[in-house]
């Protein structure tokens, strides 16, 4: 019997999000991890509520009050305008106008951009932030339609914790900025078959096609394999990466495309 070749799926909607495999250690979970997206309060911990649709994003931090502004933060009236001047009437042709305004018959129609549904799971919203411009931020490798490996990646700007790691090493190339692979993980049952390397190769090909000239990753040298999705420096070297920062705690690996 011939086994089917592994199949790689882009995570871009609720159906593909359901394919994310569980972590080998049940205390962690790809489906609720925001460790890389939130450099201050991010966590890898399993949070079952995040798997459900309709979970709201954490409340934004309050905007600092402008001591020179009005209490309601509304723009002040123009003191140089003639007395009694009313605010400009609504311009139906201005960008960002009222949704109820009449459609501009002279404007070209814009195609609907891909987007994550508003009631999608919280983690899917994080993975879907760049769909309209960058594309998918994650891939799942399936073996006989069973999820075996998972990778998360994207532009450096999408992952504040990666930016912080880079700030430790000013000698890293600042231009052009690399793409990053933040997570690569294989299920316990699928280990040893090379699926993680296959998935990394597919991600590298994808990122090269999107115009990136380099990719970085930030492994954890002494972590338990079940407790990390950053892999080890040795793994990344086997995927064609070079160790460009050989630090015992926060190494950096890089692959030129």
C-alpha atoms as a PDB file:
ATOM      1  CA  UNK A   1       0.000   0.000   0.000  1.00  0.00           C
ATOM      2  CA  UNK A   2       1.394   3.392  -1.040  1.00  0.00           C
ATOM      3  CA  UNK A   3       0.939   6.203   1.451  1.00  0.00           C
ATOM      4  CA  UNK A   4      -0.282   9.527   0.123  1.00  0.00           C
ATOM      5  CA  UNK A   5       2.252  12.339  -0.045  1.00  0.00           C
ATOM      6  CA  UNK A   6       2.016  14.946   2.701  1.00  0.00           C
ATOM      7  CA  UNK A   7      -0.347  17.809   1.904  1.00  0.00           C
ATOM      8  CA  UNK A   8       0.217  21.373   3.067  1.00  0.00           C
ATOM      9  CA  UNK A   9      -2.716  23.677   3.787  1.00  0.00           C
ATOM     10  CA  UNK A  10      -2.667  27.446   4.269  1.00  0.00           C
ATOM     11  CA  UNK A  11      -4.521  28.596   7.384  1.00  0.00           C
ATOM     12  CA  UNK A  12      -6.834  31.365   6.218  1.00  0.00           C
ATOM     13  CA  UNK A  13     -10.356  30.523   7.399  1.00  0.00           C
ATOM     14  CA  UNK A  14     -12.271  28.701  10.113  1.00  0.00           C
ATOM     15  CA  UNK A  15     -12.135  25.369   8.311  1.00  0.00           C
ATOM     16  CA  UNK A  16      -8.349  25.381   7.923  1.00  0.00           C
ATOM     17  CA  UNK A  17      -7.911  26.774  11.451  1.00  0.00           C
ATOM     18  CA  UNK A  18      -9.585  23.631  12.809  1.00  0.00           C
ATOM     19  CA  UNK A  19      -6.669  21.646  11.365  1.00  0.00           C
ATOM     20  CA  UNK A  20      -4.153  23.132  13.803  1.00  0.00           C
ATOM     21  CA  UNK A  21      -2.784  20.134  15.716  1.00  0.00           C
ATOM     22  CA  UNK A  22      -2.586  20.121  19.511  1.00  0.00           C
ATOM     23  CA  UNK A  23       0.797  20.580  21.173  1.00  0.00           C
ATOM     24  CA  UNK A  24       2.602  17.503  22.499  1.00  0.00           C
ATOM     25  CA  UNK A  25       2.463  19.077  25.978  1.00  0.00           C
ATOM     26  CA  UNK A  26      -1.217  19.782  26.800  1.00  0.00           C
ATOM     27  CA  UNK A  27      -0.205  22.828  28.836  1.00  0.00           C
ATOM     28  CA  UNK A  28       0.610  24.649  25.596  1.00  0.00           C
ATOM     29  CA  UNK A  29      -1.474  25.215  22.506  1.00  0.00           C
ATOM     30  CA  UNK A  30      -0.945  26.689  19.045  1.00  0.00           C
ATOM     31  CA  UNK A  31      -4.654  27.514  18.929  1.00  0.00           C
ATOM     32  CA  UNK A  32      -4.406  30.045  21.735  1.00  0.00           C
ATOM     33  CA  UNK A  33      -0.757  31.140  21.619  1.00  0.00           C
ATOM     34  CA  UNK A  34      -0.087  34.869  21.303  1.00  0.00           C
ATOM     35  CA  UNK A  35       3.460  34.723  22.668  1.00  0.00           C
ATOM     36  CA  UNK A  36       5.029  36.225  19.545  1.00  0.00           C
ATOM     37  CA  UNK A  37       2.214  38.637  18.719  1.00  0.00           C
ATOM     38  CA  UNK A  38       2.175  40.265  22.166  1.00  0.00           C
ATOM     39  CA  UNK A  39       5.675  41.165  23.313  1.00  0.00           C
ATOM     40  CA  UNK A  40       4.477  42.257  26.770  1.00  0.00           C
ATOM     41  CA  UNK A  41       1.775  39.843  27.861  1.00  0.00           C
ATOM     42  CA  UNK A  42       1.838  37.058  25.299  1.00  0.00           C
ATOM     43  CA  UNK A  43       1.497  33.462  26.404  1.00  0.00           C
ATOM     44  CA  UNK A  44       1.837  29.950  24.981  1.00  0.00           C
ATOM     45  CA  UNK A  45      -0.592  28.570  27.549  1.00  0.00           C
ATOM     46  CA  UNK A  46      -3.600  26.525  26.532  1.00  0.00           C
ATOM     47  CA  UNK A  47      -6.738  28.679  26.704  1.00  0.00           C
ATOM     48  CA  UNK A  48      -9.677  26.617  25.550  1.00  0.00           C
ATOM     49  CA  UNK A  49     -11.980  29.627  25.241  1.00  0.00           C
ATOM     50  CA  UNK A  50      -9.831  30.949  22.407  1.00  0.00           C
ATOM     51  CA  UNK A  51     -10.758  28.002  20.223  1.00  0.00           C
ATOM     52  CA  UNK A  52     -14.365  29.132  20.149  1.00  0.00           C
ATOM     53  CA  UNK A  53     -15.891  31.570  17.725  1.00  0.00           C
ATOM     54  CA  UNK A  54     -16.840  34.972  18.963  1.00  0.00           C
ATOM     55  CA  UNK A  55     -14.179  35.374  21.658  1.00  0.00           C
ATOM     56  CA  UNK A  56     -13.421  39.069  21.864  1.00  0.00           C
ATOM     57  CA  UNK A  57      -9.923  40.442  21.573  1.00  0.00           C
ATOM     58  CA  UNK A  58      -8.340  41.762  24.772  1.00  0.00           C
ATOM     59  CA  UNK A  59      -9.435  45.311  25.491  1.00  0.00           C
ATOM     60  CA  UNK A  60      -6.996  47.896  24.118  1.00  0.00           C
ATOM     61  CA  UNK A  61      -4.938  49.831  26.584  1.00  0.00           C
ATOM     62  CA  UNK A  62      -6.502  53.211  27.418  1.00  0.00           C
ATOM     63  CA  UNK A  63      -5.212  56.051  25.320  1.00  0.00           C
ATOM     64  CA  UNK A  64      -3.239  58.566  27.397  1.00  0.00           C
ATOM     65  CA  UNK A  65      -5.246  61.728  27.948  1.00  0.00           C
ATOM     66  CA  UNK A  66      -3.967  64.807  26.175  1.00  0.00           C
ATOM     67  CA  UNK A  67      -3.644  67.453  28.929  1.00  0.00           C
ATOM     68  CA  UNK A  68      -3.959  70.171  26.298  1.00  0.00           C
ATOM     69  CA  UNK A  69      -6.985  68.644  24.609  1.00  0.00           C
ATOM     70  CA  UNK A  70     -10.682  68.834  25.319  1.00  0.00           C
ATOM     71  CA  UNK A  71     -12.289  66.385  27.704  1.00  0.00           C
ATOM     72  CA  UNK A  72     -14.164  64.624  24.921  1.00  0.00           C
ATOM     73  CA  UNK A  73     -11.082  64.483  22.656  1.00  0.00           C
ATOM     74  CA  UNK A  74     -13.109  66.085  19.903  1.00  0.00           C
ATOM     75  CA  UNK A  75     -11.210  68.451  17.619  1.00  0.00           C
ATOM     76  CA  UNK A  76     -11.435  72.033  18.848  1.00  0.00           C
ATOM     77  CA  UNK A  77     -13.217  74.604  16.728  1.00  0.00           C
ATOM     78  CA  UNK A  78     -11.003  76.596  14.419  1.00  0.00           C
ATOM     79  CA  UNK A  79     -10.440  79.944  16.215  1.00  0.00           C
ATOM     80  CA  UNK A  80      -9.514  81.592  12.921  1.00  0.00           C
ATOM     81  CA  UNK A  81     -12.705  80.624  11.111  1.00  0.00           C
ATOM     82  CA  UNK A  82     -15.401  83.296  10.687  1.00  0.00           C
ATOM     83  CA  UNK A  83     -17.947  83.345  13.480  1.00  0.00           C
ATOM     84  CA  UNK A  84     -20.895  81.068  12.885  1.00  0.00           C
ATOM     85  CA  UNK A  85     -19.079  78.896  10.338  1.00  0.00           C
ATOM     86  CA  UNK A  86     -20.526  75.422  10.387  1.00  0.00           C
ATOM     87  CA  UNK A  87     -18.414  72.310  10.062  1.00  0.00           C
ATOM     88  CA  UNK A  88     -17.965  71.121   6.460  1.00  0.00           C
ATOM     89  CA  UNK A  89     -20.814  69.124   5.065  1.00  0.00           C
ATOM     90  CA  UNK A  90     -20.293  65.413   4.544  1.00  0.00           C
ATOM     91  CA  UNK A  91     -18.391  64.659   1.340  1.00  0.00           C
ATOM     92  CA  UNK A  92     -19.803  61.483  -0.201  1.00  0.00           C
ATOM     93  CA  UNK A  93     -16.696  61.114  -2.391  1.00  0.00           C
ATOM     94  CA  UNK A  94     -14.168  61.217   0.472  1.00  0.00           C
ATOM     95  CA  UNK A  95     -12.492  57.974   1.561  1.00  0.00           C
ATOM     96  CA  UNK A  96     -13.924  56.489   4.733  1.00  0.00           C
ATOM     97  CA  UNK A  97     -17.285  58.191   4.281  1.00  0.00           C
ATOM     98  CA  UNK A  98     -20.594  57.199   5.785  1.00  0.00           C
ATOM     99  CA  UNK A  99     -21.557  53.643   4.943  1.00  0.00           C
ATOM    100  CA  UNK A 100     -25.031  54.849   4.081  1.00  0.00           C
ATOM    101  CA  UNK A 101     -23.769  57.400   1.557  1.00  0.00           C
ATOM    102  CA  UNK A 102     -24.621  56.901  -2.075  1.00  0.00           C
ATOM    103  CA  UNK A 103     -22.090  54.888  -4.045  1.00  0.00           C
ATOM    104  CA  UNK A 104     -19.819  56.925  -6.280  1.00  0.00           C
ATOM    105  CA  UNK A 105     -20.731  55.881  -9.855  1.00  0.00           C
ATOM    106  CA  UNK A 106     -17.400  57.196 -11.184  1.00  0.00           C
ATOM    107  CA  UNK A 107     -15.171  55.205  -8.822  1.00  0.00           C
ATOM    108  CA  UNK A 108     -13.817  51.851  -9.925  1.00  0.00           C
ATOM    109  CA  UNK A 109     -15.183  48.922  -7.991  1.00  0.00           C
ATOM    110  CA  UNK A 110     -12.811  47.324  -5.513  1.00  0.00           C
ATOM    111  CA  UNK A 111     -12.690  43.582  -5.217  1.00  0.00           C
ATOM    112  CA  UNK A 112     -13.484  42.273  -1.757  1.00  0.00           C
ATOM    113  CA  UNK A 113     -10.265  41.562   0.113  1.00  0.00           C
ATOM    114  CA  UNK A 114      -9.851  38.277   1.992  1.00  0.00           C
ATOM    115  CA  UNK A 115     -10.630  38.683   5.666  1.00  0.00           C
ATOM    116  CA  UNK A 116     -11.357  36.586   8.733  1.00  0.00           C
ATOM    117  CA  UNK A 117     -15.026  36.611   9.841  1.00  0.00           C
ATOM    118  CA  UNK A 118     -15.690  38.878  12.803  1.00  0.00           C
ATOM    119  CA  UNK A 119     -16.912  35.955  14.927  1.00  0.00           C
ATOM    120  CA  UNK A 120     -13.877  33.732  14.217  1.00  0.00           C
ATOM    121  CA  UNK A 121     -11.717  32.393  17.077  1.00  0.00           C
ATOM    122  CA  UNK A 122      -9.316  34.916  18.582  1.00  0.00           C
ATOM    123  CA  UNK A 123      -6.175  33.119  17.358  1.00  0.00           C
ATOM    124  CA  UNK A 124      -7.531  32.994  13.812  1.00  0.00           C
ATOM    125  CA  UNK A 125      -7.886  36.768  13.923  1.00  0.00           C
ATOM    126  CA  UNK A 126      -4.193  37.012  14.780  1.00  0.00           C
ATOM    127  CA  UNK A 127      -3.270  34.681  11.923  1.00  0.00           C
ATOM    128  CA  UNK A 128      -5.544  36.575   9.527  1.00  0.00           C
ATOM    129  CA  UNK A 129      -4.251  40.097  10.183  1.00  0.00           C
ATOM    130  CA  UNK A 130      -2.239  40.191   6.976  1.00  0.00           C
ATOM    131  CA  UNK A 131      -4.497  38.275   4.613  1.00  0.00           C
ATOM    132  CA  UNK A 132      -5.406  41.312   2.516  1.00  0.00           C
ATOM    133  CA  UNK A 133      -1.786  42.389   1.946  1.00  0.00           C
ATOM    134  CA  UNK A 134       0.700  39.709   2.972  1.00  0.00           C
ATOM    135  CA  UNK A 135      -1.252  36.491   2.757  1.00  0.00           C
ATOM    136  CA  UNK A 136      -1.454  33.581   5.157  1.00  0.00           C
ATOM    137  CA  UNK A 137       0.593  33.545   8.380  1.00  0.00           C
ATOM    138  CA  UNK A 138       0.407  29.780   9.021  1.00  0.00           C
ATOM    139  CA  UNK A 139       0.504  26.374   7.352  1.00  0.00           C
ATOM    140  CA  UNK A 140      -0.445  22.867   8.463  1.00  0.00           C
ATOM    141  CA  UNK A 141       1.075  19.680   7.028  1.00  0.00           C
ATOM    142  CA  UNK A 142      -1.317  16.744   6.739  1.00  0.00           C
ATOM    143  CA  UNK A 143      -0.385  13.070   6.406  1.00  0.00           C
ATOM    144  CA  UNK A 144      -3.313  10.989   5.180  1.00  0.00           C
ATOM    145  CA  UNK A 145      -5.487  13.999   6.049  1.00  0.00           C
ATOM    146  CA  UNK A 146      -4.295  13.923   9.672  1.00  0.00           C
ATOM    147  CA  UNK A 147      -2.534  17.104  10.929  1.00  0.00           C
ATOM    148  CA  UNK A 148       1.121  16.286  11.614  1.00  0.00           C
ATOM    149  CA  UNK A 149       3.003  19.600  11.694  1.00  0.00           C
ATOM    150  CA  UNK A 150       2.315  23.309  12.078  1.00  0.00           C
ATOM    151  CA  UNK A 151       4.272  26.457  11.191  1.00  0.00           C
ATOM    152  CA  UNK A 152       3.624  30.126  11.917  1.00  0.00           C
ATOM    153  CA  UNK A 153       5.508  32.847  10.049  1.00  0.00           C
ATOM    154  CA  UNK A 154       5.192  36.284   8.520  1.00  0.00           C
ATOM    155  CA  UNK A 155       6.832  39.686   8.223  1.00  0.00           C
ATOM    156  CA  UNK A 156       8.983  40.747  11.152  1.00  0.00           C
ATOM    157  CA  UNK A 157       6.629  43.655  11.902  1.00  0.00           C
ATOM    158  CA  UNK A 158       3.839  41.200  12.765  1.00  0.00           C
ATOM    159  CA  UNK A 159       5.718  39.755  15.745  1.00  0.00           C
ATOM    160  CA  UNK A 160       6.773  42.263  18.418  1.00  0.00           C
ATOM    161  CA  UNK A 161       8.631  39.640  20.465  1.00  0.00           C
ATOM    162  CA  UNK A 162      10.817  38.830  17.477  1.00  0.00           C
ATOM    163  CA  UNK A 163      11.574  42.528  17.142  1.00  0.00           C
ATOM    164  CA  UNK A 164      12.672  42.560  20.770  1.00  0.00           C
ATOM    165  CA  UNK A 165      15.022  39.634  20.248  1.00  0.00           C
ATOM    166  CA  UNK A 166      16.577  41.451  17.310  1.00  0.00           C
ATOM    167  CA  UNK A 167      17.056  44.578  19.408  1.00  0.00           C
ATOM    168  CA  UNK A 168      19.533  42.584  21.516  1.00  0.00           C
ATOM    169  CA  UNK A 169      21.838  42.295  18.512  1.00  0.00           C
ATOM    170  CA  UNK A 170      22.320  45.574  16.595  1.00  0.00           C
ATOM    171  CA  UNK A 171      24.753  43.851  14.246  1.00  0.00           C
ATOM    172  CA  UNK A 172      21.947  41.875  12.603  1.00  0.00           C
ATOM    173  CA  UNK A 173      21.188  43.189   9.108  1.00  0.00           C
ATOM    174  CA  UNK A 174      18.637  45.995   9.284  1.00  0.00           C
ATOM    175  CA  UNK A 175      17.945  46.173   5.558  1.00  0.00           C
ATOM    176  CA  UNK A 176      16.231  44.414   4.012  1.00  0.00           C
ATOM    177  CA  UNK A 177      14.350  43.164   7.056  1.00  0.00           C
ATOM    178  CA  UNK A 178      13.746  39.404   7.058  1.00  0.00           C
ATOM    179  CA  UNK A 179      10.600  37.390   7.289  1.00  0.00           C
ATOM    180  CA  UNK A 180      10.440  35.218  10.397  1.00  0.00           C
ATOM    181  CA  UNK A 181       9.309  31.711  11.257  1.00  0.00           C
ATOM    182  CA  UNK A 182       8.170  31.894  14.865  1.00  0.00           C
ATOM    183  CA  UNK A 183       6.777  28.389  15.282  1.00  0.00           C
ATOM    184  CA  UNK A 184       7.468  24.948  13.894  1.00  0.00           C
ATOM    185  CA  UNK A 185       6.056  21.916  15.663  1.00  0.00           C
ATOM    186  CA  UNK A 186       5.303  18.270  14.957  1.00  0.00           C
ATOM    187  CA  UNK A 187       2.818  16.127  16.797  1.00  0.00           C
ATOM    188  CA  UNK A 188       4.321  13.458  19.031  1.00  0.00           C
ATOM    189  CA  UNK A 189       2.897  10.698  16.827  1.00  0.00           C
ATOM    190  CA  UNK A 190       4.425  12.125  13.646  1.00  0.00           C
ATOM    191  CA  UNK A 191       7.956  12.807  14.853  1.00  0.00           C
ATOM    192  CA  UNK A 192      11.003  11.385  13.152  1.00  0.00           C
ATOM    193  CA  UNK A 193       9.565  11.355   9.628  1.00  0.00           C
ATOM    194  CA  UNK A 194      10.976  14.709   8.474  1.00  0.00           C
ATOM    195  CA  UNK A 195       7.620  16.472   8.299  1.00  0.00           C
ATOM    196  CA  UNK A 196       8.838  19.598  10.098  1.00  0.00           C
ATOM    197  CA  UNK A 197      11.692  20.031   7.610  1.00  0.00           C
ATOM    198  CA  UNK A 198       9.281  19.510   4.718  1.00  0.00           C
ATOM    199  CA  UNK A 199       7.027  22.218   6.125  1.00  0.00           C
ATOM    200  CA  UNK A 200       9.911  24.649   6.720  1.00  0.00           C
ATOM    201  CA  UNK A 201      11.033  24.153   3.110  1.00  0.00           C
ATOM    202  CA  UNK A 202       7.514  24.957   1.892  1.00  0.00           C
ATOM    203  CA  UNK A 203       7.380  28.093   4.053  1.00  0.00           C
ATOM    204  CA  UNK A 204      10.773  29.246   2.727  1.00  0.00           C
ATOM    205  CA  UNK A 205       9.632  28.759  -0.868  1.00  0.00           C
ATOM    206  CA  UNK A 206       6.436  30.661  -0.119  1.00  0.00           C
ATOM    207  CA  UNK A 207       8.265  33.586   1.496  1.00  0.00           C
ATOM    208  CA  UNK A 208      10.765  33.748  -1.360  1.00  0.00           C
ATOM    209  CA  UNK A 209       7.817  34.000  -3.746  1.00  0.00           C
ATOM    210  CA  UNK A 210       6.474  36.922  -1.708  1.00  0.00           C
ATOM    211  CA  UNK A 211       9.697  38.855  -2.250  1.00  0.00           C
ATOM    212  CA  UNK A 212      11.677  38.231   0.935  1.00  0.00           C
ATOM    213  CA  UNK A 213      15.414  37.767   0.618  1.00  0.00           C
ATOM    214  CA  UNK A 214      16.058  36.314   4.075  1.00  0.00           C
ATOM    215  CA  UNK A 215      14.290  34.442   6.871  1.00  0.00           C
ATOM    216  CA  UNK A 216      15.147  34.331  10.561  1.00  0.00           C
ATOM    217  CA  UNK A 217      14.075  32.107  13.447  1.00  0.00           C
ATOM    218  CA  UNK A 218      14.715  32.291  17.173  1.00  0.00           C
ATOM    219  CA  UNK A 219      15.232  28.807  18.631  1.00  0.00           C
ATOM    220  CA  UNK A 220      15.335  27.737  22.268  1.00  0.00           C
ATOM    221  CA  UNK A 221      18.511  25.688  22.809  1.00  0.00           C
ATOM    222  CA  UNK A 222      17.667  23.979  26.117  1.00  0.00           C
ATOM    223  CA  UNK A 223      13.892  23.703  25.997  1.00  0.00           C
ATOM    224  CA  UNK A 224      12.008  20.435  26.249  1.00  0.00           C
ATOM    225  CA  UNK A 225      10.899  19.524  22.702  1.00  0.00           C
ATOM    226  CA  UNK A 226       7.330  19.144  23.952  1.00  0.00           C
ATOM    227  CA  UNK A 227       7.362  22.616  25.498  1.00  0.00           C
ATOM    228  CA  UNK A 228       8.615  24.685  22.585  1.00  0.00           C
ATOM    229  CA  UNK A 229       7.625  25.313  19.005  1.00  0.00           C
ATOM    230  CA  UNK A 230      10.802  27.273  18.261  1.00  0.00           C
ATOM    231  CA  UNK A 231      12.911  24.111  17.800  1.00  0.00           C
ATOM    232  CA  UNK A 232      16.659  23.961  18.412  1.00  0.00           C
ATOM    233  CA  UNK A 233      19.561  25.554  16.508  1.00  0.00           C
ATOM    234  CA  UNK A 234      20.540  22.091  15.280  1.00  0.00           C
ATOM    235  CA  UNK A 235      17.132  21.618  13.654  1.00  0.00           C
ATOM    236  CA  UNK A 236      17.367  24.937  11.811  1.00  0.00           C
ATOM    237  CA  UNK A 237      20.892  24.223  10.582  1.00  0.00           C
ATOM    238  CA  UNK A 238      19.495  21.016   9.097  1.00  0.00           C
ATOM    239  CA  UNK A 239      16.954  23.169   7.243  1.00  0.00           C
ATOM    240  CA  UNK A 240      19.661  25.293   5.597  1.00  0.00           C
ATOM    241  CA  UNK A 241      19.858  28.091   8.169  1.00  0.00           C
ATOM    242  CA  UNK A 242      23.080  29.520   9.590  1.00  0.00           C
ATOM    243  CA  UNK A 243      23.570  30.372  13.256  1.00  0.00           C
ATOM    244  CA  UNK A 244      24.269  34.112  13.055  1.00  0.00           C
ATOM    245  CA  UNK A 245      24.020  34.764  16.804  1.00  0.00           C
ATOM    246  CA  UNK A 246      25.408  31.899  18.866  1.00  0.00           C
ATOM    247  CA  UNK A 247      23.947  32.973  22.186  1.00  0.00           C
ATOM    248  CA  UNK A 248      23.214  30.394  24.877  1.00  0.00           C
ATOM    249  CA  UNK A 249      19.775  31.881  25.679  1.00  0.00           C
ATOM    250  CA  UNK A 250      18.611  33.828  22.621  1.00  0.00           C
ATOM    251  CA  UNK A 251      20.313  32.528  19.493  1.00  0.00           C
ATOM    252  CA  UNK A 252      19.323  33.683  16.023  1.00  0.00           C
ATOM    253  CA  UNK A 253      19.395  31.582  12.861  1.00  0.00           C
ATOM    254  CA  UNK A 254      19.113  33.044   9.369  1.00  0.00           C
ATOM    255  CA  UNK A 255      18.701  31.741   5.841  1.00  0.00           C
ATOM    256  CA  UNK A 256      19.378  33.852   2.784  1.00  0.00           C
ATOM    257  CA  UNK A 257      16.954  33.186  -0.079  1.00  0.00           C
END
